[in-house]
Amino acid sequence: MGHCVSSAAYLIQVAITIPPVVSLLEASNYAGDPLVAAHMFMMFFSALAVITPPVALAAFAVAKTL
């Protein structure tokens, strides 16, 4: 998938939020490909899920080493 991207967070976001985001982009006359833009948007927030609550898997990994 990519470096530091939580696969579970990405799959959950794809299943739940891709259809509304694509329809929103299509309704706003987005010039590019709305499906690719929606997946990039979800990939960005999946990468943030590793370092921010409530998932924060990176925080659990660091806490065990201290």
PDB file of N, CA and C in Angstrom:
ATOM      1  N   MET A   1       0.825  -1.198   0.000  1.00  0.00           N
ATOM      2  CA  MET A   1       0.000   0.000   0.000  1.00  0.00           C
ATOM      3  C   MET A   1       0.861   1.251   0.000  1.00  0.00           C
ATOM      4  N   GLY A   2       1.763   1.322   0.923  1.00  0.00           N
ATOM      5  CA  GLY A   2       2.579   2.506   1.030  1.00  0.00           C
ATOM      6  C   GLY A   2       3.204   2.553   2.405  1.00  0.00           C
ATOM      7  N   HIS A   3       4.121   3.455   2.575  1.00  0.00           N
ATOM      8  CA  HIS A   3       4.814   3.561   3.846  1.00  0.00           C
ATOM      9  C   HIS A   3       3.896   4.195   4.890  1.00  0.00           C
ATOM     10  N   CYS A   4       3.751   3.544   6.026  1.00  0.00           N
ATOM     11  CA  CYS A   4       2.975   4.037   7.171  1.00  0.00           C
ATOM     12  C   CYS A   4       1.484   4.195   6.890  1.00  0.00           C
ATOM     13  N   VAL A   5       0.949   3.458   5.958  1.00  0.00           N
ATOM     14  CA  VAL A   5      -0.487   3.539   5.697  1.00  0.00           C
ATOM     15  C   VAL A   5      -1.145   2.325   6.323  1.00  0.00           C
ATOM     16  N   SER A   6      -2.064   2.582   7.205  1.00  0.00           N
ATOM     17  CA  SER A   6      -2.797   1.511   7.846  1.00  0.00           C
ATOM     18  C   SER A   6      -3.784   0.922   6.846  1.00  0.00           C
ATOM     19  N   SER A   7      -3.592  -0.335   6.511  1.00  0.00           N
ATOM     20  CA  SER A   7      -4.468  -0.983   5.530  1.00  0.00           C
ATOM     21  C   SER A   7      -5.901  -1.059   6.029  1.00  0.00           C
ATOM     22  N   ALA A   8      -6.068  -1.316   7.318  1.00  0.00           N
ATOM     23  CA  ALA A   8      -7.424  -1.404   7.869  1.00  0.00           C
ATOM     24  C   ALA A   8      -8.134  -0.059   7.772  1.00  0.00           C
ATOM     25  N   ALA A   9      -7.438   1.006   8.101  1.00  0.00           N
ATOM     26  CA  ALA A   9      -8.047   2.333   8.020  1.00  0.00           C
ATOM     27  C   ALA A   9      -8.410   2.680   6.588  1.00  0.00           C
ATOM     28  N   TYR A  10      -7.541   2.332   5.637  1.00  0.00           N
ATOM     29  CA  TYR A  10      -7.804   2.621   4.235  1.00  0.00           C
ATOM     30  C   TYR A  10      -9.003   1.824   3.730  1.00  0.00           C
ATOM     31  N   LEU A  11      -9.062   0.543   4.057  1.00  0.00           N
ATOM     32  CA  LEU A  11     -10.171  -0.285   3.582  1.00  0.00           C
ATOM     33  C   LEU A  11     -11.507   0.158   4.171  1.00  0.00           C
ATOM     34  N   ILE A  12     -11.509   0.544   5.427  1.00  0.00           N
ATOM     35  CA  ILE A  12     -12.742   1.032   6.039  1.00  0.00           C
ATOM     36  C   ILE A  12     -13.177   2.336   5.383  1.00  0.00           C
ATOM     37  N   GLN A  13     -12.238   3.225   5.155  1.00  0.00           N
ATOM     38  CA  GLN A  13     -12.588   4.493   4.508  1.00  0.00           C
ATOM     39  C   GLN A  13     -13.055   4.286   3.078  1.00  0.00           C
ATOM     40  N   VAL A  14     -12.450   3.361   2.364  1.00  0.00           N
ATOM     41  CA  VAL A  14     -12.870   3.097   0.984  1.00  0.00           C
ATOM     42  C   VAL A  14     -14.286   2.547   0.962  1.00  0.00           C
ATOM     43  N   ALA A  15     -14.575   1.628   1.848  1.00  0.00           N
ATOM     44  CA  ALA A  15     -15.898   1.011   1.850  1.00  0.00           C
ATOM     45  C   ALA A  15     -17.003   1.990   2.236  1.00  0.00           C
ATOM     46  N   ILE A  16     -16.687   2.920   3.129  1.00  0.00           N
ATOM     47  CA  ILE A  16     -17.727   3.801   3.651  1.00  0.00           C
ATOM     48  C   ILE A  16     -17.784   5.145   2.940  1.00  0.00           C
ATOM     49  N   THR A  17     -16.655   5.730   2.629  1.00  0.00           N
ATOM     50  CA  THR A  17     -16.672   7.132   2.196  1.00  0.00           C
ATOM     51  C   THR A  17     -16.363   7.398   0.725  1.00  0.00           C
ATOM     52  N   ILE A  18     -15.883   6.414  -0.016  1.00  0.00           N
ATOM     53  CA  ILE A  18     -15.592   6.674  -1.435  1.00  0.00           C
ATOM     54  C   ILE A  18     -16.852   7.022  -2.241  1.00  0.00           C
ATOM     55  N   PRO A  19     -17.945   6.263  -2.132  1.00  0.00           N
ATOM     56  CA  PRO A  19     -19.122   6.620  -2.945  1.00  0.00           C
ATOM     57  C   PRO A  19     -19.659   8.038  -2.699  1.00  0.00           C
ATOM     58  N   PRO A  20     -19.799   8.501  -1.442  1.00  0.00           N
ATOM     59  CA  PRO A  20     -20.260   9.889  -1.258  1.00  0.00           C
ATOM     60  C   PRO A  20     -19.272  10.934  -1.772  1.00  0.00           C
ATOM     61  N   VAL A  21     -17.970  10.682  -1.611  1.00  0.00           N
ATOM     62  CA  VAL A  21     -16.982  11.648  -2.076  1.00  0.00           C
ATOM     63  C   VAL A  21     -16.985  11.717  -3.606  1.00  0.00           C
ATOM     64  N   VAL A  22     -17.100  10.576  -4.263  1.00  0.00           N
ATOM     65  CA  VAL A  22     -17.153  10.562  -5.730  1.00  0.00           C
ATOM     66  C   VAL A  22     -18.391  11.294  -6.222  1.00  0.00           C
ATOM     67  N   SER A  23     -19.543  11.034  -5.609  1.00  0.00           N
ATOM     68  CA  SER A  23     -20.763  11.725  -6.046  1.00  0.00           C
ATOM     69  C   SER A  23     -20.675  13.219  -5.770  1.00  0.00           C
ATOM     70  N   LEU A  24     -20.021  13.606  -4.695  1.00  0.00           N
ATOM     71  CA  LEU A  24     -19.839  15.028  -4.392  1.00  0.00           C
ATOM     72  C   LEU A  24     -18.934  15.685  -5.436  1.00  0.00           C
ATOM     73  N   LEU A  25     -17.857  15.013  -5.814  1.00  0.00           N
ATOM     74  CA  LEU A  25     -16.964  15.557  -6.832  1.00  0.00           C
ATOM     75  C   LEU A  25     -17.646  15.632  -8.198  1.00  0.00           C
ATOM     76  N   GLU A  26     -18.454  14.623  -8.524  1.00  0.00           N
ATOM     77  CA  GLU A  26     -19.171  14.659  -9.797  1.00  0.00           C
ATOM     78  C   GLU A  26     -20.207  15.774  -9.825  1.00  0.00           C
ATOM     79  N   ALA A  27     -20.868  16.021  -8.697  1.00  0.00           N
ATOM     80  CA  ALA A  27     -21.875  17.069  -8.625  1.00  0.00           C
ATOM     81  C   ALA A  27     -21.256  18.463  -8.716  1.00  0.00           C
ATOM     82  N   SER A  28     -19.999  18.597  -8.297  1.00  0.00           N
ATOM     83  CA  SER A  28     -19.345  19.905  -8.327  1.00  0.00           C
ATOM     84  C   SER A  28     -18.588  20.162  -9.629  1.00  0.00           C
ATOM     85  N   ASN A  29     -18.806  19.313 -10.632  1.00  0.00           N
ATOM     86  CA  ASN A  29     -18.149  19.444 -11.943  1.00  0.00           C
ATOM     87  C   ASN A  29     -16.629  19.456 -11.817  1.00  0.00           C
ATOM     88  N   TYR A  30     -16.099  18.516 -11.054  1.00  0.00           N
ATOM     89  CA  TYR A  30     -14.655  18.371 -10.883  1.00  0.00           C
ATOM     90  C   TYR A  30     -14.026  18.041 -12.233  1.00  0.00           C
ATOM     91  N   ALA A  31     -12.931  18.727 -12.576  1.00  0.00           N
ATOM     92  CA  ALA A  31     -12.334  18.606 -13.904  1.00  0.00           C
ATOM     93  C   ALA A  31     -11.570  17.292 -14.102  1.00  0.00           C
ATOM     94  N   GLY A  32     -11.052  16.704 -13.026  1.00  0.00           N
ATOM     95  CA  GLY A  32     -10.258  15.486 -13.145  1.00  0.00           C
ATOM     96  C   GLY A  32     -11.096  14.230 -12.993  1.00  0.00           C
ATOM     97  N   ASP A  33     -10.429  13.132 -12.703  1.00  0.00           N
ATOM     98  CA  ASP A  33     -11.107  11.861 -12.478  1.00  0.00           C
ATOM     99  C   ASP A  33     -11.533  11.800 -11.010  1.00  0.00           C
ATOM    100  N   PRO A  34     -12.840  11.818 -10.725  1.00  0.00           N
ATOM    101  CA  PRO A  34     -13.283  11.864  -9.328  1.00  0.00           C
ATOM    102  C   PRO A  34     -12.927  10.610  -8.528  1.00  0.00           C
ATOM    103  N   LEU A  35     -12.851   9.452  -9.171  1.00  0.00           N
ATOM    104  CA  LEU A  35     -12.513   8.231  -8.448  1.00  0.00           C
ATOM    105  C   LEU A  35     -11.063   8.256  -7.971  1.00  0.00           C
ATOM    106  N   VAL A  36     -10.157   8.698  -8.822  1.00  0.00           N
ATOM    107  CA  VAL A  36      -8.741   8.791  -8.440  1.00  0.00           C
ATOM    108  C   VAL A  36      -8.559   9.845  -7.350  1.00  0.00           C
ATOM    109  N   ALA A  37      -9.227  10.980  -7.495  1.00  0.00           N
ATOM    110  CA  ALA A  37      -9.120  12.041  -6.486  1.00  0.00           C
ATOM    111  C   ALA A  37      -9.663  11.570  -5.138  1.00  0.00           C
ATOM    112  N   ALA A  38     -10.751  10.834  -5.149  1.00  0.00           N
ATOM    113  CA  ALA A  38     -11.328  10.333  -3.900  1.00  0.00           C
ATOM    114  C   ALA A  38     -10.390   9.336  -3.227  1.00  0.00           C
ATOM    115  N   HIS A  39      -9.757   8.460  -4.016  1.00  0.00           N
ATOM    116  CA  HIS A  39      -8.819   7.501  -3.427  1.00  0.00           C
ATOM    117  C   HIS A  39      -7.575   8.195  -2.876  1.00  0.00           C
ATOM    118  N   MET A  40      -7.093   9.225  -3.540  1.00  0.00           N
ATOM    119  CA  MET A  40      -5.948   9.974  -3.017  1.00  0.00           C
ATOM    120  C   MET A  40      -6.305  10.679  -1.712  1.00  0.00           C
ATOM    121  N   PHE A  41      -7.500  11.220  -1.652  1.00  0.00           N
ATOM    122  CA  PHE A  41      -7.998  11.859  -0.432  1.00  0.00           C
ATOM    123  C   PHE A  41      -8.046  10.850   0.721  1.00  0.00           C
ATOM    124  N   MET A  42      -8.554   9.649   0.455  1.00  0.00           N
ATOM    125  CA  MET A  42      -8.638   8.612   1.486  1.00  0.00           C
ATOM    126  C   MET A  42      -7.254   8.099   1.871  1.00  0.00           C
ATOM    127  N   MET A  43      -6.331   8.018   0.911  1.00  0.00           N
ATOM    128  CA  MET A  43      -4.974   7.564   1.208  1.00  0.00           C
ATOM    129  C   MET A  43      -4.282   8.540   2.158  1.00  0.00           C
ATOM    130  N   PHE A  44      -4.509   9.835   1.934  1.00  0.00           N
ATOM    131  CA  PHE A  44      -3.919  10.857   2.797  1.00  0.00           C
ATOM    132  C   PHE A  44      -4.428  10.713   4.230  1.00  0.00           C
ATOM    133  N   PHE A  45      -5.732  10.559   4.392  1.00  0.00           N
ATOM    134  CA  PHE A  45      -6.272  10.449   5.738  1.00  0.00           C
ATOM    135  C   PHE A  45      -5.990   9.096   6.374  1.00  0.00           C
ATOM    136  N   SER A  46      -5.781   8.077   5.582  1.00  0.00           N
ATOM    137  CA  SER A  46      -5.358   6.793   6.146  1.00  0.00           C
ATOM    138  C   SER A  46      -3.938   6.876   6.688  1.00  0.00           C
ATOM    139  N   ALA A  47      -3.085   7.646   6.017  1.00  0.00           N
ATOM    140  CA  ALA A  47      -1.720   7.843   6.513  1.00  0.00           C
ATOM    141  C   ALA A  47      -1.736   8.625   7.823  1.00  0.00           C
ATOM    142  N   LEU A  48      -2.646   9.570   7.945  1.00  0.00           N
ATOM    143  CA  LEU A  48      -2.755  10.321   9.197  1.00  0.00           C
ATOM    144  C   LEU A  48      -3.318   9.478  10.330  1.00  0.00           C
ATOM    145  N   ALA A  49      -4.079   8.443  10.005  1.00  0.00           N
ATOM    146  CA  ALA A  49      -4.676   7.595  11.039  1.00  0.00           C
ATOM    147  C   ALA A  49      -3.624   6.853  11.846  1.00  0.00           C
ATOM    148  N   VAL A  50      -2.432   6.696  11.287  1.00  0.00           N
ATOM    149  CA  VAL A  50      -1.369   5.988  11.998  1.00  0.00           C
ATOM    150  C   VAL A  50      -0.839   6.827  13.157  1.00  0.00           C
ATOM    151  N   ILE A  51      -0.874   8.144  13.033  1.00  0.00           N
ATOM    152  CA  ILE A  51      -0.270   8.995  14.060  1.00  0.00           C
ATOM    153  C   ILE A  51      -1.274   9.778  14.889  1.00  0.00           C
ATOM    154  N   THR A  52      -2.554   9.731  14.536  1.00  0.00           N
ATOM    155  CA  THR A  52      -3.550  10.497  15.282  1.00  0.00           C
ATOM    156  C   THR A  52      -4.585   9.564  15.901  1.00  0.00           C
ATOM    157  N   PRO A  53      -5.191   9.953  17.018  1.00  0.00           N
ATOM    158  CA  PRO A  53      -6.252   9.140  17.623  1.00  0.00           C
ATOM    159  C   PRO A  53      -7.468   9.087  16.717  1.00  0.00           C
ATOM    160  N   PRO A  54      -8.323   8.134  16.801  1.00  0.00           N
ATOM    161  CA  PRO A  54      -8.388   7.033  17.757  1.00  0.00           C
ATOM    162  C   PRO A  54      -7.589   5.795  17.363  1.00  0.00           C
ATOM    163  N   VAL A  55      -7.031   5.734  16.151  1.00  0.00           N
ATOM    164  CA  VAL A  55      -6.277   4.537  15.752  1.00  0.00           C
ATOM    165  C   VAL A  55      -4.889   4.584  16.368  1.00  0.00           C
ATOM    166  N   ALA A  56      -4.087   5.558  16.009  1.00  0.00           N
ATOM    167  CA  ALA A  56      -2.776   5.855  16.591  1.00  0.00           C
ATOM    168  C   ALA A  56      -1.898   4.631  16.812  1.00  0.00           C
ATOM    169  N   LEU A  57      -1.735   3.822  15.794  1.00  0.00           N
ATOM    170  CA  LEU A  57      -0.903   2.622  15.924  1.00  0.00           C
ATOM    171  C   LEU A  57       0.556   2.965  16.189  1.00  0.00           C
ATOM    172  N   ALA A  58       1.031   4.062  15.632  1.00  0.00           N
ATOM    173  CA  ALA A  58       2.420   4.456  15.858  1.00  0.00           C
ATOM    174  C   ALA A  58       2.642   4.827  17.325  1.00  0.00           C
ATOM    175  N   ALA A  59       1.662   5.434  17.952  1.00  0.00           N
ATOM    176  CA  ALA A  59       1.793   5.803  19.362  1.00  0.00           C
ATOM    177  C   ALA A  59       1.889   4.553  20.247  1.00  0.00           C
ATOM    178  N   PHE A  60       1.133   3.509  19.914  1.00  0.00           N
ATOM    179  CA  PHE A  60       1.232   2.266  20.681  1.00  0.00           C
ATOM    180  C   PHE A  60       2.592   1.607  20.493  1.00  0.00           C
ATOM    181  N   ALA A  61       3.133   1.654  19.304  1.00  0.00           N
ATOM    182  CA  ALA A  61       4.444   1.050  19.044  1.00  0.00           C
ATOM    183  C   ALA A  61       5.538   1.770  19.809  1.00  0.00           C
ATOM    184  N   VAL A  62       5.496   3.071  19.856  1.00  0.00           N
ATOM    185  CA  VAL A  62       6.511   3.840  20.577  1.00  0.00           C
ATOM    186  C   VAL A  62       6.350   3.667  22.084  1.00  0.00           C
ATOM    187  N   ALA A  63       5.125   3.608  22.565  1.00  0.00           N
ATOM    188  CA  ALA A  63       4.881   3.471  24.002  1.00  0.00           C
ATOM    189  C   ALA A  63       5.439   2.152  24.543  1.00  0.00           C
ATOM    190  N   LYS A  64       5.429   1.101  23.736  1.00  0.00           N
ATOM    191  CA  LYS A  64       5.954  -0.175  24.193  1.00  0.00           C
ATOM    192  C   LYS A  64       7.465  -0.195  24.259  1.00  0.00           C
ATOM    193  N   THR A  65       8.128   0.691  23.524  1.00  0.00           N
ATOM    194  CA  THR A  65       9.583   0.717  23.534  1.00  0.00           C
ATOM    195  C   THR A  65      10.135   1.565  24.674  1.00  0.00           C
ATOM    196  N   LEU A  66       9.329   2.429  25.230  1.00  0.00           N
ATOM    197  CA  LEU A  66       9.818   3.305  26.321  1.00  0.00           C
ATOM    198  C   LEU A  66       9.790   2.628  27.650  1.00  0.00           C
TER     199      LEU A  66
END
